[in-house]
Amino acid sequence: MPEFEATAEGYFVARQTRTKLILPPDLATEPVDMLGPDGVRLISAPFGLGGEGVTL
């Protein structure tokens, strides 16, 4: 389970994981930013949230 740290701007950042993840303060208006272990960066807005995960 990744640990998130909160920034002063309201973002939540997971740095100590294979895939780096930045969650915005408002998922409805801002994209999620992911950096994979292969260096590929994905920036996308969530399409849906469910009990088993997130669809981007």
Protein backbone atom coordinates (compact mmCIF):
# COMPACT_ATOMS: atom_id res chain seq x y z
CA MET A 1 0.00 0.00 0.00
CA PRO A 2 1.59 3.31 -1.04
CA GLU A 3 2.04 6.10 1.45
CA PHE A 4 0.95 9.54 0.31
CA GLU A 5 2.28 12.86 1.51
CA ALA A 6 0.12 15.97 1.34
CA THR A 7 1.52 19.16 -0.19
CA ALA A 8 0.67 22.70 0.92
CA GLU A 9 -1.32 23.10 -2.32
CA GLY A 10 -3.59 20.13 -1.46
CA TYR A 11 -2.03 17.50 -3.75
CA PHE A 12 -1.24 13.97 -2.55
CA VAL A 13 2.05 12.49 -3.75
CA ALA A 14 3.29 8.86 -3.64
CA ARG A 15 7.08 8.91 -4.14
CA GLN A 16 8.27 5.69 -2.48
CA THR A 17 6.65 3.38 -5.04
CA ARG A 18 7.65 1.96 -8.44
CA THR A 19 5.04 4.17 -10.09
CA LYS A 20 5.12 7.76 -8.86
CA LEU A 21 1.64 9.23 -8.48
CA ILE A 22 0.31 12.75 -7.95
CA LEU A 23 -3.37 13.13 -7.06
CA PRO A 24 -4.88 16.61 -7.37
CA PRO A 25 -7.04 18.24 -4.70
CA ASP A 26 -10.09 17.99 -7.00
CA LEU A 27 -10.29 14.88 -9.19
CA ALA A 28 -13.30 16.32 -11.00
CA THR A 29 -11.35 19.23 -12.52
CA GLU A 30 -7.66 18.25 -12.57
CA PRO A 31 -5.78 15.27 -14.04
CA VAL A 32 -3.88 12.51 -12.24
CA ASP A 33 -0.14 12.46 -13.01
CA MET A 34 1.68 9.08 -13.09
CA LEU A 35 5.34 8.32 -13.84
CA GLY A 36 6.03 4.63 -14.47
CA PRO A 37 9.24 2.76 -13.64
CA ASP A 38 10.04 2.73 -17.38
CA GLY A 39 10.01 6.55 -17.48
CA VAL A 40 6.67 6.81 -19.30
CA ARG A 41 4.57 9.65 -17.95
CA LEU A 42 0.77 9.49 -18.13
CA ILE A 43 -1.48 12.44 -17.37
CA SER A 44 -5.18 11.69 -17.48
CA ALA A 45 -8.47 12.65 -15.89
CA PRO A 46 -10.35 9.89 -14.06
CA PHE A 47 -13.30 8.50 -16.02
CA GLY A 48 -14.79 6.58 -13.13
CA LEU A 49 -14.14 5.47 -9.57
CA GLY A 50 -15.22 2.13 -8.18
CA GLY A 51 -14.66 -0.21 -5.26
CA GLU A 52 -11.95 -2.08 -7.16
CA GLY A 53 -10.00 0.81 -8.66
CA VAL A 54 -9.92 3.82 -10.95
CA THR A 55 -10.57 3.93 -14.69
CA LEU A 56 -8.45 6.50 -16.50
